[in-house]
Protein backbone atom coordinates (compact mmCIF):
# COMPACT_ATOMS: atom_id res chain seq x y z
CA MET A 1 14.34 -8.25 44.19
CA THR A 2 11.78 -5.47 44.02
CA GLY A 3 11.21 -3.97 40.57
CA SER A 4 9.60 -0.80 39.29
CA PRO A 5 5.80 -0.65 39.09
CA LEU A 6 4.22 -2.16 36.01
CA PRO A 7 3.54 0.05 32.98
CA PRO A 8 -0.03 1.43 33.06
CA SER A 9 -1.25 -0.73 30.17
CA GLU A 10 -0.25 -2.76 27.15
CA SER A 11 1.06 -0.65 24.29
CA ILE A 12 3.14 -0.76 21.15
CA ALA A 13 6.15 -1.58 23.38
CA VAL A 14 4.53 -3.45 26.32
CA GLU A 15 2.83 -6.85 26.49
CA PHE A 16 1.37 -8.71 29.51
CA LYS A 17 1.19 -12.54 29.58
CA THR A 18 -0.02 -14.76 32.40
CA SER A 19 2.31 -17.61 31.42
CA PHE A 20 5.26 -18.40 29.19
CA GLY A 21 4.61 -19.86 25.73
CA ASP A 22 4.83 -19.21 22.00
CA GLU A 23 2.84 -15.98 22.35
CA VAL A 24 5.63 -14.53 24.49
CA VAL A 25 8.17 -15.40 21.80
CA GLN A 26 5.92 -13.88 19.10
CA SER A 27 5.70 -10.64 21.08
CA LEU A 28 9.47 -10.47 21.43
CA VAL A 29 9.82 -11.04 17.68
CA ALA A 30 7.27 -8.29 16.96
CA PHE A 31 9.17 -5.89 19.25
CA ALA A 32 12.48 -6.80 17.58
CA ASN A 33 10.90 -6.02 14.21
CA ALA A 34 9.77 -2.61 15.53
CA LYS A 35 11.44 -0.33 18.08
CA GLY A 36 11.93 -2.87 20.86
CA GLY A 37 9.77 -3.57 23.91
CA ALA A 38 9.16 -5.71 26.98
CA VAL A 39 6.96 -8.70 27.83
CA TYR A 40 5.87 -9.14 31.47
CA VAL A 41 5.16 -12.81 32.18
CA GLY A 42 2.87 -13.38 35.14
CA VAL A 43 0.52 -10.45 34.48
CA SER A 44 -2.97 -10.60 32.94
CA ASP A 45 -4.25 -8.36 30.14
CA SER A 46 -6.06 -6.32 32.76
CA ARG A 47 -2.76 -5.73 34.61
CA GLU A 48 -3.57 -8.11 37.45
CA VAL A 49 -0.40 -9.66 38.89
CA LYS A 50 -0.80 -13.45 38.80
CA GLY A 51 2.82 -14.40 39.24
CA VAL A 52 4.71 -17.39 37.89
CA GLY A 53 6.44 -20.33 39.53
CA LEU A 54 10.20 -20.31 39.06
CA GLY A 55 12.45 -23.30 39.64
CA PRO A 56 16.26 -23.33 39.54
CA GLU A 57 16.38 -23.85 35.76
CA THR A 58 13.08 -22.24 34.69
CA LEU A 59 14.49 -18.96 33.47
CA THR A 60 17.39 -20.64 31.67
CA GLY A 61 14.95 -23.00 29.97
CA TRP A 62 12.75 -20.11 28.80
CA LEU A 63 15.74 -18.23 27.40
CA ASN A 64 16.90 -21.33 25.53
CA GLU A 65 13.39 -21.82 24.12
CA ILE A 66 13.32 -18.22 22.87
CA LYS A 67 16.70 -18.74 21.27
CA LEU A 68 15.69 -22.00 19.53
CA LYS A 69 12.36 -20.66 18.22
CA THR A 70 13.67 -17.44 16.67
CA THR A 71 15.62 -16.70 13.50
CA PRO A 72 17.97 -14.88 13.83
CA GLN A 73 18.27 -16.07 17.42
CA LEU A 74 17.06 -13.58 20.03
CA MET A 75 18.61 -13.31 23.48
CA PRO A 76 16.46 -10.89 25.49
CA GLU A 77 17.36 -9.42 28.85
CA ALA A 78 15.51 -11.23 31.66
CA ASP A 79 14.69 -9.69 35.03
CA VAL A 80 12.75 -11.27 37.89
CA LEU A 81 10.50 -8.74 39.60
CA GLU A 82 8.72 -9.22 42.91
CA ILE A 83 5.40 -7.36 42.71
CA HIS A 84 2.80 -7.68 45.48
CA GLY A 85 4.67 -10.70 46.80
CA ARG A 86 4.52 -12.55 43.46
CA MET A 87 7.21 -13.24 40.89
CA VAL A 88 6.99 -11.61 37.45
CA VAL A 89 9.56 -12.12 34.69
CA LYS A 90 10.30 -9.15 32.43
CA PHE A 91 11.82 -10.00 29.03
CA SER A 92 13.25 -6.94 27.29
CA ILE A 93 14.41 -6.85 23.68
CA GLU A 94 15.87 -4.04 21.59
CA GLU A 95 15.12 -3.34 17.95
CA TYR A 96 16.98 -5.87 15.83
CA PRO A 97 19.25 -4.16 13.27
CA ILE A 98 18.69 -6.53 10.33
CA LYS A 99 15.01 -7.42 9.96
CA PRO A 100 12.78 -9.33 9.92
CA VAL A 101 13.08 -11.74 12.83
CA ALA A 102 10.88 -14.86 12.73
CA CYS A 103 9.27 -17.18 15.27
CA ARG A 104 9.01 -20.72 13.95
CA GLY A 105 9.35 -19.41 10.39
CA ARG A 106 6.62 -16.75 10.72
CA TYR A 107 7.16 -13.01 10.89
CA TYR A 108 5.28 -10.70 13.25
CA LYS A 109 4.84 -6.97 13.56
CA ARG A 110 3.51 -4.81 16.38
CA VAL A 111 0.32 -2.85 15.66
CA ALA A 112 -0.90 -0.77 18.63
CA SER A 113 -1.00 -3.29 21.50
CA SER A 114 -1.23 -6.55 19.53
CA ASN A 115 0.84 -8.75 17.26
CA HIS A 116 0.01 -9.39 13.61
CA ALA A 117 1.54 -11.91 11.21
CA MET A 118 3.33 -10.40 8.23
CA GLY A 119 3.03 -11.67 4.68
CA ILE A 120 6.08 -12.58 2.62
CA ASP A 121 5.92 -9.32 0.64
CA GLU A 122 5.78 -7.21 3.80
CA ALA A 123 8.63 -9.17 5.36
CA ALA A 124 10.72 -8.63 2.23
CA ARG A 125 10.05 -4.88 2.29
CA LEU A 126 11.01 -4.72 5.96
CA HIS A 127 14.27 -6.47 5.14
CA LEU A 128 15.07 -4.00 2.37
CA MET A 129 14.22 -1.06 4.64
CA SER A 130 16.56 -2.38 7.32
CA LEU A 131 19.31 -2.47 4.71
CA ASN A 132 18.46 1.14 3.80
CA SER A 133 17.32 -0.08 0.40
CA SER A 134 14.05 -0.70 -1.43
CA TRP A 135 12.65 -3.11 -4.00
CA ASP A 136 13.16 -0.76 -6.92
CA TYR A 137 16.90 -0.60 -6.13
CA GLN A 138 17.29 -4.35 -6.69
CA ILE A 139 18.60 -5.82 -9.93
CA ARG A 140 15.85 -6.89 -12.35
CA GLN A 141 16.59 -10.45 -13.41
CA GLY A 142 16.22 -11.41 -17.06
CA THR A 143 16.70 -7.89 -18.40
CA SER A 144 19.56 -5.80 -19.73
CA LEU A 145 20.28 -2.38 -21.18
CA SER A 146 18.63 -3.51 -24.42
CA ASP A 147 15.30 -3.30 -22.54
CA VAL A 148 15.86 0.40 -21.82
CA SER A 149 15.02 3.29 -24.15
CA LEU A 150 17.98 5.66 -24.09
CA GLU A 151 15.77 8.26 -25.81
CA LYS A 152 13.48 8.25 -22.78
CA VAL A 153 16.51 8.56 -20.51
CA LYS A 154 17.79 11.45 -22.59
CA ALA A 155 14.47 13.30 -22.37
CA VAL A 156 14.38 13.05 -18.57
CA LEU A 157 18.05 13.95 -18.27
CA GLU A 158 17.58 17.09 -20.38
CA HIS A 159 14.55 18.04 -18.32
CA ILE A 160 16.54 17.75 -15.07
CA GLN A 161 19.44 19.73 -16.51
CA ALA A 162 17.15 22.48 -17.83
CA ARG A 163 15.41 22.66 -14.47
CA ASN A 164 18.75 23.08 -12.71
CA GLY A 165 19.79 25.79 -15.17
CA GLY A 166 22.93 24.04 -16.29
CA PRO A 167 24.22 22.89 -19.70
CA ARG A 168 24.04 19.29 -20.70
CA ALA A 169 27.08 17.70 -19.12
CA GLU A 170 26.53 13.94 -19.29
CA ASP A 171 25.21 11.27 -21.59
CA PRO A 172 22.26 8.95 -20.81
CA LEU A 173 24.46 6.03 -19.74
CA SER A 174 26.43 8.21 -17.33
CA PHE A 175 23.14 9.44 -15.91
CA LEU A 176 21.93 5.87 -15.33
CA HIS A 177 25.15 4.92 -13.57
CA LYS A 178 25.19 8.08 -11.42
CA TYR A 179 21.74 7.29 -10.04
CA GLU A 180 22.64 3.58 -9.71
CA LEU A 181 19.82 2.73 -12.07
CA VAL A 182 22.40 0.57 -13.78
CA ARG A 183 25.07 -1.39 -11.93
CA GLY A 184 27.63 -2.99 -14.17
CA GLU A 185 25.69 -4.44 -17.09
CA ALA A 186 22.55 -5.06 -15.04
CA ILE A 187 19.57 -2.74 -14.71
CA THR A 188 17.48 -2.18 -11.60
CA ASN A 189 13.73 -2.54 -11.19
CA ALA A 190 13.49 1.26 -11.12
CA CYS A 191 15.40 1.61 -14.38
CA TYR A 192 13.10 -0.86 -16.13
CA LEU A 193 9.88 0.72 -14.86
CA LEU A 194 11.01 4.28 -15.62
CA PHE A 195 12.55 3.76 -19.06
CA CYS A 196 11.31 0.46 -20.51
CA GLU A 197 11.68 0.24 -24.28
CA GLY A 198 8.27 -1.29 -24.92
CA PRO A 199 5.08 -2.15 -23.03
CA SER A 200 5.65 -3.38 -19.48
CA PRO A 201 3.56 -6.23 -18.02
CA TYR A 202 4.38 -4.98 -14.52
CA THR A 203 2.91 -1.46 -14.63
CA GLY A 204 -0.70 -2.11 -15.61
CA VAL A 205 -3.20 0.67 -14.90
CA GLU A 206 -6.88 0.19 -15.76
CA LEU A 207 -8.79 3.38 -16.56
CA GLY A 208 -12.57 3.53 -16.77
CA SER A 209 -15.29 6.13 -17.16
CA PHE A 210 -18.70 4.96 -15.96
CA SER A 211 -22.17 6.33 -16.70
CA SER A 212 -23.52 4.39 -13.69
CA GLU A 213 -22.18 2.07 -11.02
CA VAL A 214 -21.69 -0.80 -13.48
CA LEU A 215 -22.01 0.59 -17.02
CA ILE A 216 -18.72 1.66 -18.52
CA LYS A 217 -18.66 4.15 -21.39
CA ASP A 218 -14.92 4.38 -21.98
CA GLY A 219 -11.88 2.40 -20.87
CA GLN A 220 -8.16 2.20 -21.42
CA THR A 221 -5.32 -0.04 -20.27
CA LEU A 222 -1.88 1.44 -19.70
CA LYS A 223 1.35 -0.54 -19.74
CA ASP A 224 3.78 2.31 -20.34
CA ASP A 225 6.81 3.61 -18.51
CA LEU A 226 6.00 5.50 -15.30
CA PHE A 227 6.46 9.03 -16.64
CA ALA A 228 4.16 8.30 -19.57
CA GLN A 229 1.57 6.78 -17.25
CA VAL A 230 1.23 9.94 -15.18
CA GLU A 231 0.45 12.01 -18.27
CA ALA A 232 -1.87 9.38 -19.76
CA ILE A 233 -3.91 9.10 -16.56
CA LEU A 234 -4.26 12.87 -16.27
CA GLN A 235 -5.28 13.11 -19.92
CA PHE A 236 -7.97 10.46 -19.39
CA VAL A 237 -9.31 12.27 -16.31
CA ARG A 238 -9.45 15.61 -18.15
CA LYS A 239 -11.28 13.91 -21.01
CA HIS A 240 -14.06 12.67 -18.72
CA ILE A 241 -14.66 15.55 -16.30
CA ASN A 242 -16.21 18.92 -17.01
CA LYS A 243 -14.60 22.33 -17.33
CA ALA A 244 -16.42 25.61 -16.80
CA ILE A 245 -15.47 29.16 -17.70
CA VAL A 246 -15.80 31.31 -14.58
CA ILE A 247 -16.48 35.03 -15.12
CA THR A 248 -14.55 36.90 -12.43
CA GLY A 249 -15.14 40.50 -13.46
CA GLU A 250 -11.48 40.82 -14.38
CA ALA A 251 -10.19 41.23 -17.90
CA ALA A 252 -9.59 37.49 -18.23
CA SER A 253 -11.93 34.69 -17.20
CA ILE A 254 -10.62 31.53 -15.54
CA GLU A 255 -11.18 27.86 -16.24
CA ARG A 256 -12.48 25.68 -13.44
CA TRP A 257 -12.59 21.91 -13.64
CA ASP A 258 -14.93 19.66 -11.68
CA TYR A 259 -11.92 18.65 -9.57
CA PRO A 260 -8.73 20.63 -8.80
CA LEU A 261 -6.29 19.25 -11.34
CA GLU A 262 -3.23 20.00 -9.19
CA ALA A 263 -4.70 17.75 -6.48
CA ILE A 264 -5.58 15.00 -8.95
CA ARG A 265 -2.00 15.16 -10.22
CA GLU A 266 -0.68 14.70 -6.66
CA ILE A 267 -2.94 11.67 -6.16
CA VAL A 268 -1.75 10.14 -9.42
CA LEU A 269 1.91 10.77 -8.58
CA ASN A 270 1.42 9.10 -5.20
CA MET A 271 -0.13 6.10 -6.96
CA ILE A 272 2.81 5.71 -9.33
CA ILE A 273 5.61 6.33 -6.82
CA HIS A 274 4.23 4.34 -3.87
CA ARG A 275 2.71 1.41 -5.76
CA ASP A 276 3.69 -2.14 -4.84
CA TYR A 277 4.91 -3.37 -8.22
CA THR A 278 5.27 -6.92 -6.92
CA SER A 279 1.49 -7.18 -6.46
CA PRO A 280 -0.47 -9.16 -9.08
CA TYR A 281 -3.17 -6.44 -9.14
CA ASP A 282 -3.30 -3.44 -11.43
CA SER A 283 -3.87 0.12 -10.31
CA LEU A 284 -7.38 1.38 -11.08
CA VAL A 285 -8.78 4.83 -11.87
CA ARG A 286 -12.57 4.88 -12.14
CA ILE A 287 -14.54 8.00 -12.98
CA PHE A 288 -18.22 8.09 -11.98
CA PRO A 289 -20.73 10.92 -12.33
CA ASP A 290 -20.27 11.84 -8.66
CA ARG A 291 -16.70 10.77 -7.82
CA ILE A 292 -13.31 9.51 -8.97
CA GLU A 293 -11.76 6.43 -7.34
CA PHE A 294 -8.02 5.75 -7.31
CA PHE A 295 -7.10 2.20 -6.23
CA ASN A 296 -3.46 1.28 -5.73
CA PRO A 297 -1.83 -2.03 -4.68
CA GLY A 298 0.39 -1.65 -1.63
CA ALA A 299 -0.30 -0.80 2.00
CA LEU A 300 0.96 2.26 3.82
CA PRO A 301 4.42 1.88 5.41
CA PRO A 302 4.48 0.27 8.89
CA GLY A 303 3.46 2.73 11.60
CA LEU A 304 1.64 5.08 9.20
CA ASP A 305 -2.14 5.30 9.05
CA VAL A 306 -4.83 7.65 7.72
CA GLU A 307 -4.96 9.57 11.00
CA HIS A 308 -1.28 10.49 10.67
CA LEU A 309 -1.79 11.43 7.02
CA MET A 310 -4.55 13.86 7.95
CA ARG A 311 -2.46 15.44 10.75
CA ASP A 312 0.67 15.81 8.60
CA ASP A 313 2.79 14.52 11.50
CA TYR A 314 4.59 11.74 9.72
CA VAL A 315 7.92 11.16 8.04
CA SER A 316 7.61 10.13 4.40
CA ARG A 317 9.14 6.76 3.57
CA PRO A 318 8.66 6.12 -0.16
CA ARG A 319 8.13 2.47 -0.99
CA ASN A 320 10.26 2.95 -4.11
CA ARG A 321 13.06 5.28 -3.06
CA LEU A 322 14.95 5.34 -6.35
CA ILE A 323 11.81 6.07 -8.38
CA ALA A 324 10.83 8.80 -5.91
CA GLN A 325 14.28 10.39 -6.20
CA ILE A 326 14.10 10.55 -10.00
CA PHE A 327 10.62 12.09 -9.92
CA LYS A 328 11.80 14.62 -7.33
CA ASP A 329 14.90 15.64 -9.26
CA ALA A 330 12.78 15.97 -12.40
CA GLY A 331 10.54 18.39 -10.50
CA TRP A 332 7.42 16.22 -10.65
CA ILE A 333 7.19 16.14 -6.86
CA GLU A 334 8.28 19.00 -4.59
CA LYS A 335 9.35 17.26 -1.41
CA TYR A 336 8.63 13.98 0.30
CA GLY A 337 5.61 13.82 2.57
CA SER A 338 3.85 17.02 1.47
CA GLY A 339 1.52 15.59 -1.18
CA VAL A 340 -1.48 14.82 1.04
CA LYS A 341 -1.34 18.28 2.58
CA ARG A 342 -1.38 19.91 -0.86
CA ILE A 343 -4.25 17.65 -1.95
CA ARG A 344 -6.37 18.74 1.01
CA ALA A 345 -5.50 22.40 0.47
CA ALA A 346 -6.42 22.30 -3.24
CA PHE A 347 -9.82 20.72 -2.56
CA ALA A 348 -10.52 23.20 0.24
CA GLN A 349 -9.61 26.16 -2.00
CA GLN A 350 -12.21 24.94 -4.51
CA GLY A 351 -14.80 24.59 -1.73
CA MET A 352 -14.85 20.79 -1.88
CA SER A 353 -14.59 18.14 0.81
CA THR A 354 -11.30 16.37 1.50
CA PRO A 355 -10.96 13.11 -0.47
CA ASP A 356 -11.59 9.93 1.46
CA PHE A 357 -8.47 7.84 2.12
CA ARG A 358 -9.05 4.16 2.88
CA CYS A 359 -6.11 1.92 3.66
CA ASP A 360 -6.31 -1.88 3.83
CA ALA A 361 -3.70 -4.54 4.52
CA ASP A 362 -2.48 -4.54 0.91
CA SER A 363 -3.97 -1.52 -0.85
CA VAL A 364 -4.92 2.15 -0.68
CA MET A 365 -8.11 3.69 -2.11
CA VAL A 366 -8.55 7.45 -2.51
CA THR A 367 -12.02 8.70 -3.47
CA SER A 368 -12.58 12.30 -4.58
CA TYR A 369 -16.22 13.37 -4.42
CA LEU A 370 -17.74 15.94 -6.74
CA VAL A 371 -20.29 16.63 -4.01
CA ALA A 372 -19.78 15.40 -0.45
CA PRO A 373 -21.81 12.19 0.17
CA PRO A 374 -24.69 12.30 2.68
CA LEU A 375 -23.57 12.13 6.31
CA ASN A 376 -25.31 8.79 6.80
CA THR A 377 -23.60 7.20 3.79
CA PRO A 378 -20.35 5.35 4.64
CA LEU A 379 -17.48 6.79 2.60
CA ASN A 380 -16.25 4.62 -0.26
CA THR A 381 -19.38 2.46 -0.11
CA PRO A 382 -20.70 1.88 -3.66
CA LEU A 383 -24.38 2.82 -3.97
CA ASN A 384 -25.23 -0.54 -5.56
CA THR A 385 -28.65 -2.14 -5.35
CA PRO A 386 -28.83 -5.96 -5.55
CA LEU A 387 -30.24 -5.63 -9.08
CA ASN A 388 -27.51 -3.54 -10.68
CA THR A 389 -24.80 -5.42 -8.81
CA ARG A 390 -25.99 -8.73 -10.27
CA ASP A 391 -26.40 -7.19 -13.72
CA GLY A 392 -22.87 -5.81 -13.41
CA ILE A 393 -21.55 -9.29 -12.57
CA LEU A 394 -23.18 -10.75 -15.68
CA GLU A 395 -21.83 -7.95 -17.86
CA TRP A 396 -18.34 -8.44 -16.47
CA PHE A 397 -18.29 -12.22 -16.95
CA ARG A 398 -19.69 -11.77 -20.46
CA ALA A 399 -16.64 -9.64 -21.27
CA HIS A 400 -14.20 -11.70 -19.16
CA PRO A 401 -15.27 -15.38 -19.35
CA GLU A 402 -11.96 -16.55 -17.84
CA GLY A 403 -11.93 -13.85 -15.18
CA SER A 404 -11.65 -14.58 -11.46
CA MET A 405 -14.02 -13.57 -8.70
CA ALA A 406 -11.10 -11.75 -7.04
CA ALA A 407 -10.68 -9.54 -10.12
CA LEU A 408 -14.45 -9.02 -10.27
CA ALA A 409 -14.47 -7.95 -6.61
CA LEU A 410 -11.84 -5.33 -7.38
CA HIS A 411 -13.79 -4.15 -10.44
CA LEU A 412 -17.04 -3.67 -8.50
CA ASP A 413 -15.31 -2.61 -5.26
CA LEU A 414 -17.12 -5.27 -3.25
CA ASN A 415 -15.67 -7.84 -0.87
CA ARG A 416 -15.20 -11.38 -2.11
CA ASP A 417 -17.85 -12.89 0.17
CA THR A 418 -20.48 -10.57 -1.31
CA ILE A 419 -19.39 -11.44 -4.85
CA LYS A 420 -19.47 -15.16 -4.05
CA GLU A 421 -23.00 -14.87 -2.64
CA HIS A 422 -24.27 -13.07 -5.77
CA VAL A 423 -22.53 -15.56 -8.09
CA GLU A 424 -24.09 -18.53 -6.29
CA ARG A 425 -27.55 -16.96 -6.62
CA LEU A 426 -27.01 -16.26 -10.33
CA LYS A 427 -25.97 -19.89 -10.83
CA ARG A 428 -29.10 -21.09 -8.99
CA ASP A 429 -31.22 -18.79 -11.15
CA GLY A 430 -29.73 -20.34 -14.29
CA LEU A 431 -28.18 -17.07 -15.46
CA LEU A 432 -24.55 -18.04 -14.91
CA GLU A 433 -22.67 -21.31 -15.28
CA ARG A 434 -19.10 -22.39 -14.61
CA ILE A 435 -17.60 -24.74 -17.20
CA GLY A 436 -14.38 -26.60 -16.46
CA SER A 437 -11.99 -26.49 -13.53
CA ALA A 438 -11.37 -23.62 -11.13
CA ARG A 439 -8.08 -22.77 -12.86
CA GLY A 440 -8.70 -23.67 -16.50
CA GLY A 441 -12.42 -23.20 -16.86
CA GLN A 442 -14.62 -20.30 -17.89
CA TRP A 443 -17.90 -18.60 -17.10
CA ILE A 444 -20.92 -18.86 -19.39
CA VAL A 445 -23.59 -16.15 -19.14
CA ARG A 446 -26.95 -17.77 -19.92
CA GLY A 447 -29.13 -14.70 -19.85
CA ARG A 448 -29.72 -11.19 -18.65
CA LEU A 449 -31.63 -10.03 -15.57
């Protein structure tokens, strides 16, 4: 039969393959984990029709292979197209309702016109999203109501009620049940993070104020509930940036901080609400003489990138929906998806450049510059020389003898290969030594540069 012309190119919903194999199945899985799509078998990447040979049982065999290699089992539509006298097979698959779908035990997602393997954490988040849920909604094992401070719950409840202009009409436990923060006798991840009775090992935030790229003058570690963390971070920032009194000619002068505090607050709220609390890494806030860096574990949601953030043409999908809802009802955030726009507007109103947003596979870094960096300086690139980088490594290992190179890479904002190269040189120079095993050993600093 004669089919429609081929699509103009590969895309987020179209893939060309010259022959049938595992890559075809992976593409179908990636489409099923997204919005659906089609794979054309017998067509090259450049859209040249090569054709495929089809015997009486070829198509049936391919469909059975797709079925056997996928979990849950996929059964795509299969059409044979005759294009330029050659046979092309079009496999079409719709978005699968309950995600993720796997090929041979591995999960794939569609990014632009290619397939990428998903990690376990990303696959778990996709599953929760397909169930219209999120990680923070899940029950937190090993905890109970005794781990929750009802005084903290009461304070937030009263704030919400005062904001809504109504009298107090419910007690803290009723509030927790209404928001499904508690189900039966069990508490959710959101409930624990928002109202934990004592320090939480899961909400670590490292704060640092630096006099240079590697010399820290003040630091603090937070392990509080999420509401307390927002205030503590903002207090630390205010402590380490400058405030000027601006004479306006009016009866009253105005205060002007180095950075617009309303924008810094939005950045901090985004950190707390969108953080991946299953990550082993802490959030970081580092204040330098010329910038503030905000590092947060957790990638942007699938399909969202920096370009969309800057254009404001995206739909907000909070990683932690229950936490986001509580913050919204408490009036700490106005509406979903408007934070980045307000951040840009606040910096522009103060005559400053838009913060730099950098998104990696498992983290987000926002850098706010006091003065815009030179045009030939890559954004978010630390201005480290080999000397102060190596000195910083020695200082860090002196303070953290059991620390890992991965943690050091995060601290200095350098990739792990660069850190490894510097460490090997320091070992050869006799300034650094590793004692013991990779897991149970420690670093010994033998000298100073």
